[in-house]
Every structure is written in C-alpha cells, then in structure tokens.
Amino acid sequence: MPPHLSADRSTAQPPGRGPVDALISQTRRLKGDVDAVRRGTPADTSDPRDRWQRALYDLALHQLNDLDEHLAQLRDGPLPVPAQAAPAGPAGPAPTTQSTPGQGPLLSRVGSAEWNLLTDEASWSGELYRILDRDPAAPPLTLDELPSLVHDEDRPRLTAMVTGCLVDARPIDGEFRLIRPDGSVRTVHMMGEPVLGTDGSTASMWAVLRDVSELRRCRRAVSETRDSLHHRGQDAARTGQRLAVGLREAVLPAWRGSLLLPRRGPRTLDVAARHLPSATGAATGGEWYDALELSDGATLLSVGELTGQGVGVASGMAMLIGAMRGMAMSGTEPGPLMACLNRLLDATGQPALGSGLCLRYRPETRSLVWAQAGHPVPLLFRGGTGHALDVPDGVLLGAGPTSSYGQAEETLEAGDLLLLHTDGLVPGRTGAASAHRLVGLAPQFAESRTAQECLLAVLREFGDRQRENDACVLVARVAS
C-alpha cells in the first residue's frame, strides 16, 4: 500500500490558489442562486410538499457551505497543530478556528489521526482537537481510550470498525455519535485505512474525521417531509400537534412545584399550577396559566383560553401572554389591560374568541385587583369554606373592538387560597356547577400547608377524569 497522507498534516502544501479560487467563486455563485430560489418558497406552510421543497433547499445550501469551506481549507492549507498538543511543545493559547462570513466556527473541517501499533503512540491534528472539543494540552487518546468519547449505543459499531481495520485490513467508513465535554452530542463521519509494515502486518492505522451533525439534521428534515407527502392529512395534523405542543411548552412558565412571588419580603404568594391534557392528548388548545413578579413588587396571575386548536391558536396564546406581561410590567391595571387584549385580538385579522382572568396582587396591602373576560371567576377559600368572587363586567375577548372591562378588588388574609381554572377542569361541568364541585374541596385545602398540596388535592379529584379538551388550574396561597 502506498504511504498515506494525513488530511491536514503540517507538511502538506496547499495547491495553486488560482484554480481553487475559481472553484470557490463558482461555488459561491451557485450558493447565491440556490438561496435566491429558496427565498421564493414559503417559509412557514402547512403543505407537506412545500415543507419538503424547503428542506431540500436547506440541505443543498448546507452541502454547498461545506464545499465552500473545504475548498477554502484546501486553498489555505491546514491549520497548525496547537502548541499544547505537540508532545514536546510549550503551552500556549490555541489558535482560533477559522470561519467564513455569516457562519459560525467551521465544525465540518476535516481532522486526522494516526495510531502507531508498534510504539503505541498516537498523533492528532489540530483540527481533530477542535472537532472533539478536547484540550490541546491533553495527549491524544489511544485506540483503547477513544470509545470513552463515544455514545454508549455506538461503541460496538466503532469497535467493530477498528477491529475490522486492524485484523482484516478493511477500510473504515462509518459514523458514530460523540459526547463532547459540554454534554452536547455530535455525529462524526470517520474514514480510515490500515498501514502495513514490510512483513505485511498492520503497523498503524490512520483516519480522517468530520463533524456531520448539521448535514445529518438537514437530511433527516428532508426524509421526514418526504414521508409526510405519503400521509398528508394525518402527518400534517401530527406535525401541527408537535409544533403546538412545543410552542405551549416554550410559552408556559418553566417552574415546577411551588413558586413564591414576590421572591423577597413578607406576605408572598405561594403559587402552583398545572396543565392537564385531554383524554386523547391530541386537543392542544389555547389554554394557559401564568404567574409573574412585576417590577413594583406586585404579582401578576392569569389563566385563559382561546377557541380552537393547533399551531395558530397556540401562537395566538403566546401573543396574548406576551402582551399581558408587557402591559402589566408597565403598570397597566387589569381592567384596561383586558380592553387592550381585546383590541389586539380583534386586530389580528384571524377570527378567534378568548376568555381570561387577570389578577394583580400587592403584597404590602394584601390587595387583589382583578378583571375577567367571559371566564370562570376565581374561587376564594378561607377558614375551611370557599366561594366565588363577585364578577365584574367583561365579555369574551374578540367579541367586539369597543368592549370595556370592569375590575373588582378584594383584600386577602394570611392563609387565603385562590383557585383559578379554565373550562374543562371538571369534565361535563361548566359555570356554577363546576364551581360547586371545586368549592367542595375546601376542607382538604384547610388541612394543606402549601399551594402544591392544594394543587395535588385538585389533581386527585379531577386530574384523571376523561376530558375532551385541555385544562389549566392555578392555586395561589397567601403566606402567613
């Protein structure tokens, strides 16, 4: 076998710049042409064929980016091995990975390695250290140590490839996943060959490695959208469901368990909340809950829902939550805030109706100011009993652009519990009947010490019921 050349060995010389520069120019012109056509395709569509075309354009652009980067590497020559990685070199800062305009670090550059079986020595190129995100001061890993970087499920594959190369002199050509020091997972493509000694036995093994994570991601996107063309109706609904669920998870508060608001000072609210999916798990409507500490020390509480299901409703829910938070931060009171949300929903051009509660709690006076828009009113529990608060004026959001919303005020006491919920929490019951069932939990709430315990009491009673739609419940307990 003729002697091999490492992919970026320091002794390699770059080819003439003229021919490679011409190839780079052609590649970049082609990238521009493809990108121009790509921008003419819909960026957000429910049509599986449009999504498939968009994914193919993305894949083509990614591959052209790779080609551009590899040609630039060929023209410029290999980056030097960091001084820290050289066995006898002094320690020093690692050089910065090159990048092209508009791109991040070149994760797809090619690195190389050689393992000498006679001396048990290993040598890595500087690029390989960068691809694996290894400290250049650390020695290269031996073949026995290399699997320690590999995902558990892929170690047998790597072991089989290396064994086949060393024992049977078979070339290596395969992929495996690496776990980098920061915990991220990357997919690496490895190609290599054995180097035979004069007696015909394997003396060493060399390999080149490339990070192909983004390329594989693009190809998966193409494959997924291509498959969706065969199951258009069902797959479109499933994709919309995933997007709606993802959007809901991104918008709803990330805290779990109890939350103390505000986080400083006495007379805080102990808050706990839960989203309850429908019996089938496929409804994904526009139900939400929210709790936010405001800049003046007050606490914003809200629950609500939009009519309909799917991505459009979930995005509308996200819009309303964002607008509510922004106006509450600026000091807008619940009544005027509801009026603004109503005008916002009316101005979107997409017919939708919504209901909601907006409450502002001031811990220094334990005062609660709230407004509602066609929504089940808050329930107040005190001393082992419960009742619904008096209802201020307020129609459904989106019912009319000039609707006005009143607000009510209540003074809370230590140990009081507020329960906010959306329709559907009590399956088959709405309005007064639903409130009556929830008020029946008052004795259990009186024995509970935290909002989380009260929430668990609600879930024990209604969490496993067969409901047609999603529901949300939020409980807030005034700390002693």
Protein backbone atom coordinates (compact mmCIF):
# COMPACT_ATOMS: atom_id res chain seq x y z
CA MET A 1 0.00 0.00 0.00
CA PRO A 2 1.48 3.40 -0.88
CA PRO A 3 2.20 5.74 2.00
CA HIS A 4 -0.80 7.75 3.05
CA LEU A 5 -1.15 11.48 3.64
CA SER A 6 -2.98 12.83 6.65
CA ALA A 7 -5.90 15.12 5.85
CA ASP A 8 -4.28 18.18 7.38
CA ARG A 9 -0.71 17.19 8.12
CA SER A 10 1.51 20.21 8.67
CA THR A 11 3.91 19.20 5.88
CA ALA A 12 1.14 19.28 3.27
CA GLN A 13 1.34 22.19 0.85
CA PRO A 14 -1.77 23.96 -0.48
CA PRO A 15 -2.37 23.71 -4.22
CA GLY A 16 -2.12 26.67 -6.52
CA ARG A 17 -4.54 29.39 -5.42
CA GLY A 18 -5.82 30.23 -8.91
CA PRO A 19 -7.73 27.02 -9.78
CA VAL A 20 -9.12 26.63 -6.24
CA ASP A 21 -10.16 30.28 -6.07
CA ALA A 22 -12.05 29.78 -9.31
CA LEU A 23 -13.86 26.77 -7.83
CA ILE A 24 -14.68 28.78 -4.71
CA SER A 25 -16.13 31.60 -6.84
CA GLN A 26 -18.28 29.14 -8.78
CA THR A 27 -19.49 27.52 -5.56
CA ARG A 28 -20.44 30.86 -4.03
CA ARG A 29 -22.29 31.94 -7.16
CA LEU A 30 -24.22 28.68 -7.08
CA LYS A 31 -24.97 29.21 -3.37
CA GLY A 32 -26.37 32.63 -4.18
CA ASP A 33 -28.55 31.24 -6.96
CA VAL A 34 -29.90 28.44 -4.77
CA ASP A 35 -30.54 30.83 -1.89
CA ALA A 36 -32.41 33.22 -4.18
CA VAL A 37 -34.74 30.42 -5.31
CA ARG A 38 -35.09 29.19 -1.72
CA ARG A 39 -36.23 32.62 -0.51
CA GLY A 40 -39.07 32.42 -3.00
CA THR A 41 -40.54 29.35 -1.30
CA PRO A 42 -42.95 29.63 1.65
CA ALA A 43 -41.06 29.70 4.95
CA ASP A 44 -43.98 28.57 7.11
CA THR A 45 -46.63 26.42 5.47
CA SER A 46 -48.90 23.54 6.32
CA ASP A 47 -48.44 21.99 2.85
CA PRO A 48 -46.12 18.95 3.21
CA ARG A 49 -44.83 19.37 -0.38
CA ASP A 50 -43.77 22.95 0.31
CA ARG A 51 -42.03 21.86 3.52
CA TRP A 52 -40.25 19.08 1.62
CA GLN A 53 -39.02 21.52 -1.02
CA ARG A 54 -37.85 23.96 1.65
CA ALA A 55 -35.95 21.20 3.46
CA LEU A 56 -34.24 20.15 0.22
CA TYR A 57 -33.13 23.72 -0.43
CA ASP A 58 -31.76 23.90 3.11
CA LEU A 59 -29.87 20.64 2.60
CA ALA A 60 -28.43 21.82 -0.74
CA LEU A 61 -27.27 25.09 0.84
CA HIS A 62 -25.69 23.24 3.74
CA GLN A 63 -23.77 20.97 1.37
CA LEU A 64 -22.64 23.97 -0.70
CA ASN A 65 -21.48 25.66 2.51
CA ASP A 66 -19.46 22.54 3.31
CA LEU A 67 -17.98 22.54 -0.18
CA ASP A 68 -17.08 26.23 0.15
CA GLU A 69 -15.40 25.63 3.50
CA HIS A 70 -13.47 22.57 2.31
CA LEU A 71 -12.22 24.37 -0.80
CA ALA A 72 -11.09 27.25 1.42
CA GLN A 73 -9.25 24.76 3.61
CA LEU A 74 -7.64 23.25 0.52
CA ARG A 75 -6.56 26.70 -0.70
CA ASP A 76 -5.26 27.97 2.65
CA GLY A 77 -3.63 24.78 3.80
CA PRO A 78 -4.07 23.09 7.17
CA LEU A 79 -4.25 24.99 10.42
CA PRO A 80 -1.20 24.37 12.61
CA VAL A 81 -1.36 21.83 15.38
CA PRO A 82 -1.75 23.79 18.65
CA ALA A 83 1.46 24.03 20.56
CA GLN A 84 -0.22 22.43 23.57
CA ALA A 85 -0.99 19.31 21.53
CA ALA A 86 2.58 18.77 20.39
CA PRO A 87 4.36 16.26 22.66
CA ALA A 88 7.37 18.49 23.33
CA GLY A 89 5.93 21.93 22.62
CA PRO A 90 5.41 24.67 25.22
CA ALA A 91 1.92 25.51 26.40
CA GLY A 92 0.20 28.46 24.78
CA PRO A 93 -3.18 29.66 23.58
CA ALA A 94 -4.92 27.58 20.99
CA PRO A 95 -5.43 29.32 17.63
CA THR A 96 -8.95 30.37 16.78
CA THR A 97 -10.86 28.17 14.38
CA GLN A 98 -11.36 29.93 11.06
CA SER A 99 -14.83 30.93 9.96
CA THR A 100 -16.45 32.28 6.87
CA PRO A 101 -18.56 35.46 6.78
CA GLY A 102 -22.04 34.81 8.18
CA GLN A 103 -21.08 31.38 9.52
CA GLY A 104 -20.08 30.11 12.95
CA PRO A 105 -16.97 28.00 13.62
CA LEU A 106 -16.27 25.52 10.85
CA LEU A 107 -17.47 22.36 12.55
CA SER A 108 -17.21 20.47 9.26
CA ARG A 109 -13.45 20.89 8.70
CA VAL A 110 -11.56 17.63 8.43
CA GLY A 111 -9.28 16.40 11.19
CA SER A 112 -6.90 13.46 11.10
CA ALA A 113 -5.28 10.97 13.44
CA GLU A 114 -2.75 8.15 13.32
CA TRP A 115 -2.23 5.36 15.84
CA ASN A 116 1.11 3.50 15.71
CA LEU A 117 0.60 -0.07 16.86
CA LEU A 118 4.34 -0.77 17.18
CA THR A 119 5.16 2.14 19.52
CA ASP A 120 1.66 2.63 20.96
CA GLU A 121 1.91 6.31 20.07
CA ALA A 122 -0.95 8.44 18.77
CA SER A 123 -0.89 11.75 16.90
CA TRP A 124 -3.83 14.07 16.26
CA SER A 125 -4.10 17.07 14.01
CA GLY A 126 -5.09 20.42 15.43
CA GLU A 127 -8.45 20.21 13.65
CA LEU A 128 -9.28 16.93 15.35
CA TYR A 129 -8.78 18.53 18.76
CA ARG A 130 -11.25 21.23 17.74
CA ILE A 131 -13.80 18.80 16.32
CA LEU A 132 -13.75 16.70 19.51
CA ASP A 133 -13.53 19.82 21.70
CA ARG A 134 -10.54 18.36 23.51
CA ASP A 135 -7.96 20.31 25.49
CA PRO A 136 -4.89 20.71 23.22
CA ALA A 137 -2.72 20.21 26.29
CA ALA A 138 -4.08 16.68 26.72
CA PRO A 139 -2.33 13.81 24.95
CA PRO A 140 -4.15 12.14 22.05
CA LEU A 141 -6.32 9.23 23.08
CA THR A 142 -5.21 5.73 22.21
CA LEU A 143 -7.47 3.39 20.26
CA ASP A 144 -8.42 1.74 23.53
CA GLU A 145 -9.36 5.12 25.04
CA LEU A 146 -11.21 6.52 22.02
CA PRO A 147 -14.53 4.72 22.80
CA SER A 148 -14.76 6.72 26.06
CA LEU A 149 -15.89 9.70 23.93
CA VAL A 150 -18.49 7.72 22.01
CA HIS A 151 -22.20 7.38 22.78
CA ASP A 152 -22.91 4.10 24.58
CA GLU A 153 -25.17 2.84 21.78
CA ASP A 154 -22.47 3.47 19.12
CA ARG A 155 -19.44 1.96 20.88
CA PRO A 156 -19.98 -1.55 19.43
CA ARG A 157 -20.07 -0.03 15.92
CA LEU A 158 -16.77 1.81 16.46
CA THR A 159 -15.16 -1.28 17.99
CA ALA A 160 -16.24 -3.40 15.01
CA MET A 161 -14.86 -0.86 12.51
CA VAL A 162 -11.49 -0.59 14.27
CA THR A 163 -11.20 -4.36 14.73
CA GLY A 164 -12.01 -4.98 11.06
CA CYS A 165 -9.33 -2.47 10.05
CA LEU A 166 -6.60 -3.83 12.32
CA VAL A 167 -7.31 -7.56 11.97
CA ASP A 168 -8.73 -7.90 8.46
CA ALA A 169 -7.19 -4.77 6.87
CA ARG A 170 -10.63 -3.44 5.94
CA PRO A 171 -11.05 0.31 5.34
CA ILE A 172 -13.11 2.25 7.86
CA ASP A 173 -16.11 4.19 6.61
CA GLY A 174 -18.83 4.86 9.16
CA GLU A 175 -20.44 7.27 11.59
CA PHE A 176 -20.92 7.41 15.33
CA ARG A 177 -22.04 9.91 17.93
CA LEU A 178 -19.62 11.67 20.25
CA ILE A 179 -20.35 13.11 23.68
CA ARG A 180 -18.38 16.36 23.96
CA PRO A 181 -17.16 17.72 27.32
CA ASP A 182 -20.07 20.21 27.47
CA GLY A 183 -22.55 17.33 27.15
CA SER A 184 -23.55 18.08 23.55
CA VAL A 185 -23.87 15.19 21.11
CA ARG A 186 -22.26 15.43 17.68
CA THR A 187 -22.25 12.99 14.75
CA VAL A 188 -18.82 12.27 13.28
CA HIS A 189 -18.01 10.53 9.99
CA MET A 190 -14.78 8.54 10.15
CA MET A 191 -12.80 7.16 7.21
CA GLY A 192 -9.51 5.31 7.64
CA GLU A 193 -7.15 2.59 6.44
CA PRO A 194 -4.53 0.29 7.92
CA VAL A 195 -0.88 0.98 7.14
CA LEU A 196 1.01 -2.26 6.58
CA GLY A 197 4.60 -2.91 7.58
CA THR A 198 7.26 -4.63 5.47
CA ASP A 199 6.15 -8.02 6.79
CA GLY A 200 2.56 -7.42 5.73
CA SER A 201 1.19 -6.95 9.23
CA THR A 202 -0.68 -3.84 10.33
CA ALA A 203 1.79 -1.29 11.66
CA SER A 204 -0.53 1.64 12.20
CA MET A 205 -3.96 2.99 11.42
CA TRP A 206 -4.83 6.43 10.13
CA ALA A 207 -8.19 8.10 9.87
CA VAL A 208 -9.88 11.36 8.92
CA LEU A 209 -12.91 12.58 10.86
CA ARG A 210 -15.53 15.22 10.05
CA ASP A 211 -18.39 16.63 12.08
CA VAL A 212 -21.52 15.93 10.00
CA SER A 213 -24.15 16.76 12.63
CA GLU A 214 -25.79 19.60 10.71
CA LEU A 215 -25.69 17.65 7.45
CA ARG A 216 -27.47 14.73 9.09
CA ARG A 217 -30.02 17.09 10.63
CA CYS A 218 -30.83 18.53 7.20
CA ARG A 219 -31.14 15.07 5.69
CA ARG A 220 -33.46 13.98 8.46
CA ALA A 221 -35.62 17.01 7.76
CA VAL A 222 -35.79 16.06 4.06
CA SER A 223 -36.65 12.47 4.92
CA GLU A 224 -39.35 13.47 7.36
CA THR A 225 -41.02 15.89 4.97
CA ARG A 226 -40.78 13.40 2.10
CA ASP A 227 -42.55 10.78 4.18
CA SER A 228 -45.22 13.32 5.05
CA LEU A 229 -46.18 13.55 1.37
CA HIS A 230 -47.49 9.96 1.61
CA HIS A 231 -49.59 10.70 4.67
CA ARG A 232 -50.52 14.30 4.02
CA GLY A 233 -53.62 14.72 6.10
CA GLN A 234 -52.56 12.63 9.09
CA ASP A 235 -48.97 13.83 9.11
CA ALA A 236 -49.92 17.49 8.73
CA ALA A 237 -52.14 17.19 11.78
CA ARG A 238 -49.39 15.36 13.70
CA THR A 239 -46.79 17.95 12.75
CA GLY A 240 -49.13 20.75 13.77
CA GLN A 241 -49.70 18.94 17.05
CA ARG A 242 -45.98 18.73 17.74
CA LEU A 243 -45.48 22.39 16.91
CA ALA A 244 -48.41 23.43 19.07
CA VAL A 245 -47.14 21.34 22.00
CA GLY A 246 -43.63 22.73 21.56
CA LEU A 247 -44.93 26.28 21.44
CA ARG A 248 -47.04 25.68 24.55
CA GLU A 249 -44.04 24.31 26.44
CA ALA A 250 -41.95 27.29 25.37
CA VAL A 251 -44.54 29.84 26.49
CA LEU A 252 -45.95 28.41 29.71
CA PRO A 253 -43.83 29.14 32.82
CA ALA A 254 -40.94 26.70 33.21
CA TRP A 255 -41.18 26.38 37.00
CA ARG A 256 -42.40 23.16 38.55
CA GLY A 257 -43.70 22.68 42.08
CA SER A 258 -44.37 25.75 44.19
CA LEU A 259 -43.26 29.28 43.33
CA LEU A 260 -43.00 32.13 45.85
CA LEU A 261 -43.88 35.55 44.41
CA PRO A 262 -42.54 38.06 45.02
CA ARG A 263 -39.32 36.32 45.95
CA ARG A 264 -38.40 38.87 48.63
CA GLY A 265 -40.27 40.17 51.62
CA PRO A 266 -43.29 39.02 53.65
CA ARG A 267 -46.86 38.37 52.54
CA THR A 268 -45.81 36.48 49.46
CA LEU A 269 -47.99 34.25 47.32
CA ASP A 270 -47.18 30.54 47.19
CA VAL A 271 -48.18 29.55 43.65
CA ALA A 272 -48.58 26.15 41.97
CA ALA A 273 -50.13 25.35 38.58
CA ARG A 274 -50.61 22.51 36.12
CA HIS A 275 -51.70 21.99 32.54
CA LEU A 276 -53.98 18.96 32.14
CA PRO A 277 -54.13 17.39 28.68
CA SER A 278 -57.28 15.95 27.17
CA ALA A 279 -58.06 12.25 27.44
CA THR A 280 -56.59 11.62 23.98
CA GLY A 281 -53.69 14.03 24.41
CA ALA A 282 -54.46 15.46 20.98
CA ALA A 283 -56.51 18.56 21.74
CA THR A 284 -53.73 21.13 22.35
CA GLY A 285 -55.97 24.15 22.53
CA GLY A 286 -55.13 27.64 23.68
CA GLU A 287 -55.38 27.16 27.45
CA TRP A 288 -52.74 28.92 29.55
CA TYR A 289 -51.71 29.90 33.06
CA ASP A 290 -49.11 32.45 34.09
CA ALA A 291 -47.50 33.89 37.22
CA LEU A 292 -45.03 36.76 37.07
CA GLU A 293 -43.28 39.02 39.58
CA LEU A 294 -43.67 42.62 38.41
CA SER A 295 -41.12 45.41 38.72
CA ASP A 296 -43.05 47.17 41.50
CA GLY A 297 -43.13 44.04 43.70
CA ALA A 298 -46.68 43.08 42.77
CA THR A 299 -47.57 39.67 41.32
CA LEU A 300 -49.46 39.04 38.08
CA LEU A 301 -51.64 35.92 37.93
CA SER A 302 -53.63 34.87 34.89
CA VAL A 303 -55.41 31.96 33.25
CA GLY A 304 -57.29 31.88 29.98
CA GLU A 305 -58.04 30.12 26.75
CA LEU A 306 -58.58 30.75 23.06
CA THR A 307 -61.13 28.91 20.96
CA GLY A 308 -59.83 26.34 18.52
CA GLN A 309 -56.82 24.06 18.41
CA GLY A 310 -53.46 23.78 16.70
CA VAL A 311 -50.48 25.97 15.93
CA GLY A 312 -52.48 29.10 15.09
CA VAL A 313 -54.26 29.02 18.43
CA ALA A 314 -51.02 28.28 20.30
CA SER A 315 -49.31 31.23 18.61
CA GLY A 316 -52.26 33.45 19.50
CA MET A 317 -51.97 32.29 23.10
CA ALA A 318 -48.26 33.19 23.07
CA MET A 319 -49.11 36.64 21.67
CA LEU A 320 -51.68 37.32 24.40
CA ILE A 321 -49.38 36.17 27.21
CA GLY A 322 -46.53 38.32 25.91
CA ALA A 323 -48.78 41.37 25.56
CA MET A 324 -50.26 40.83 29.03
CA ARG A 325 -46.83 40.59 30.63
CA GLY A 326 -45.57 43.70 28.87
CA MET A 327 -48.57 45.83 29.84
CA ALA A 328 -48.55 44.54 33.42
CA MET A 329 -44.85 45.42 33.72
CA SER A 330 -45.67 48.97 32.60
CA GLY A 331 -48.27 49.31 35.39
CA THR A 332 -51.49 48.78 33.42
CA GLU A 333 -54.33 47.72 35.72
CA PRO A 334 -56.30 44.50 34.97
CA GLY A 335 -59.44 46.20 33.57
CA PRO A 336 -57.68 48.42 30.98
CA LEU A 337 -55.29 45.56 30.27
CA MET A 338 -58.19 43.29 29.27
CA ALA A 339 -59.55 46.03 26.99
CA CYS A 340 -56.16 46.26 25.25
CA LEU A 341 -56.01 42.48 24.80
CA ASN A 342 -59.50 42.58 23.29
CA ARG A 343 -58.46 45.21 20.73
CA LEU A 344 -55.27 43.25 19.99
CA LEU A 345 -57.20 40.03 19.32
CA ASP A 346 -59.68 41.90 17.13
CA ALA A 347 -56.83 43.47 15.12
CA THR A 348 -55.08 40.19 14.27
CA GLY A 349 -57.45 39.53 11.34
CA GLN A 350 -57.89 35.91 12.40
CA PRO A 351 -61.33 35.38 13.92
CA ALA A 352 -60.99 33.98 17.42
CA LEU A 353 -62.64 34.32 20.78
CA GLY A 354 -60.88 34.12 24.09
CA SER A 355 -61.64 34.19 27.77
CA GLY A 356 -59.35 35.04 30.63
CA LEU A 357 -58.64 36.26 34.13
CA CYS A 358 -56.05 38.87 35.04
CA LEU A 359 -55.19 39.44 38.71
CA ARG A 360 -52.71 41.83 40.30
CA TYR A 361 -51.73 41.14 43.94
CA ARG A 362 -49.94 43.76 46.04
CA PRO A 363 -48.20 42.02 48.98
CA GLU A 364 -47.73 45.14 51.11
CA THR A 365 -51.53 45.64 51.45
CA ARG A 366 -52.64 42.10 50.50
CA SER A 367 -54.97 43.73 47.99
CA LEU A 368 -56.12 41.86 44.91
CA VAL A 369 -57.38 43.74 41.83
CA TRP A 370 -58.76 41.60 39.02
CA ALA A 371 -60.74 41.59 35.79
CA GLN A 372 -62.33 38.90 33.69
CA ALA A 373 -63.35 38.36 30.08
CA GLY A 374 -66.15 35.80 29.93
CA HIS A 375 -64.17 33.40 32.12
CA PRO A 376 -64.95 31.27 35.20
CA VAL A 377 -64.34 33.56 38.17
CA PRO A 378 -61.69 32.98 40.84
CA LEU A 379 -62.65 30.92 43.88
CA LEU A 380 -61.56 32.17 47.31
CA PHE A 381 -61.08 29.67 50.16
CA ARG A 382 -60.85 30.84 53.76
CA GLY A 383 -61.32 29.04 57.06
CA GLY A 384 -62.48 25.75 55.55
CA THR A 385 -65.09 27.26 53.21
CA GLY A 386 -64.99 28.62 49.68
CA HIS A 387 -66.96 30.90 47.41
CA ALA A 388 -66.79 32.60 44.01
CA LEU A 389 -65.73 36.24 43.94
CA ASP A 390 -68.16 38.87 42.70
CA VAL A 391 -67.98 39.15 38.91
CA PRO A 392 -67.02 42.49 37.30
CA ASP A 393 -68.28 43.29 33.79
CA GLY A 394 -66.40 41.65 30.95
CA VAL A 395 -67.29 39.90 27.70
CA LEU A 396 -65.24 37.44 25.68
CA LEU A 397 -62.05 38.74 24.12
CA GLY A 398 -62.60 39.34 20.41
CA ALA A 399 -66.36 39.76 20.73
CA GLY A 400 -66.20 43.45 19.83
CA PRO A 401 -63.41 46.02 19.41
CA THR A 402 -65.02 48.60 21.74
CA SER A 403 -65.85 46.31 24.67
CA SER A 404 -64.99 47.63 28.12
CA TYR A 405 -63.93 45.64 31.17
CA GLY A 406 -64.57 46.43 34.81
CA GLN A 407 -62.39 45.35 37.67
CA ALA A 408 -63.00 44.28 41.26
CA GLU A 409 -60.89 44.48 44.40
CA GLU A 410 -60.57 42.07 47.30
CA THR A 411 -58.46 42.21 50.47
CA LEU A 412 -56.90 38.84 51.26
CA GLU A 413 -55.82 37.41 54.58
CA ALA A 414 -52.99 35.15 55.65
CA GLY A 415 -53.79 31.57 54.71
CA ASP A 416 -56.32 32.53 52.00
CA LEU A 417 -56.27 30.39 48.87
CA LEU A 418 -57.20 31.48 45.35
CA LEU A 419 -58.11 28.88 42.73
CA LEU A 420 -58.14 29.87 39.03
CA HIS A 421 -59.07 27.43 36.29
CA THR A 422 -60.22 27.10 32.69
CA ASP A 423 -63.37 25.41 31.43
CA GLY A 424 -62.95 21.67 31.28
CA LEU A 425 -61.17 21.21 34.61
CA VAL A 426 -64.30 19.49 35.90
CA PRO A 427 -65.38 17.31 32.94
CA GLY A 428 -69.02 17.70 31.95
CA ARG A 429 -69.50 20.71 34.23
CA THR A 430 -69.32 24.43 33.49
CA GLY A 431 -70.15 27.64 35.32
CA ALA A 432 -71.83 27.33 38.71
CA ALA A 433 -71.86 23.51 38.67
CA SER A 434 -68.10 23.40 38.18
CA ALA A 435 -67.52 25.99 40.92
CA HIS A 436 -69.72 24.00 43.30
CA ARG A 437 -67.65 20.85 42.78
CA LEU A 438 -64.41 22.76 43.38
CA VAL A 439 -65.74 24.51 46.49
CA GLY A 440 -66.34 21.04 47.90
CA LEU A 441 -62.55 20.69 48.23
CA ALA A 442 -62.42 23.41 50.91
CA PRO A 443 -61.91 21.01 53.85
CA GLN A 444 -58.90 19.43 52.11
CA PHE A 445 -57.43 22.86 51.35
CA ALA A 446 -57.80 23.84 55.02
CA GLU A 447 -55.57 20.91 56.00
CA SER A 448 -52.93 21.69 53.35
CA ARG A 449 -49.91 23.82 54.19
CA THR A 450 -48.68 24.73 50.68
CA ALA A 451 -50.09 25.61 47.28
CA GLN A 452 -48.55 22.43 45.89
CA GLU A 453 -50.50 20.28 48.37
CA CYS A 454 -53.72 22.08 47.40
CA LEU A 455 -52.97 21.53 43.71
CA LEU A 456 -52.42 17.82 44.37
CA ALA A 457 -55.83 17.68 46.05
CA VAL A 458 -57.40 19.10 42.86
CA LEU A 459 -55.50 16.61 40.71
CA ARG A 460 -56.55 13.67 42.88
CA GLU A 461 -60.16 14.67 42.41
CA PHE A 462 -60.18 15.75 38.75
CA GLY A 463 -56.75 15.04 37.22
CA ASP A 464 -57.57 11.59 35.83
CA ARG A 465 -61.06 12.40 34.55
CA GLN A 466 -61.88 11.83 30.88
CA ARG A 467 -61.93 15.36 29.48
CA GLU A 468 -62.46 16.32 25.86
CA ASN A 469 -60.25 19.41 25.97
CA ASP A 470 -57.13 20.56 27.73
CA ALA A 471 -57.48 22.44 31.00
CA CYS A 472 -55.33 24.57 33.32
CA VAL A 473 -55.54 25.12 37.06
CA LEU A 474 -53.56 27.56 39.23
CA VAL A 475 -53.68 27.89 43.01
CA ALA A 476 -52.14 30.76 45.00
CA ARG A 477 -51.93 30.70 48.79
CA VAL A 478 -51.21 33.84 50.84
CA ALA A 479 -48.24 33.07 53.04
CA SER A 480 -48.56 33.75 56.77
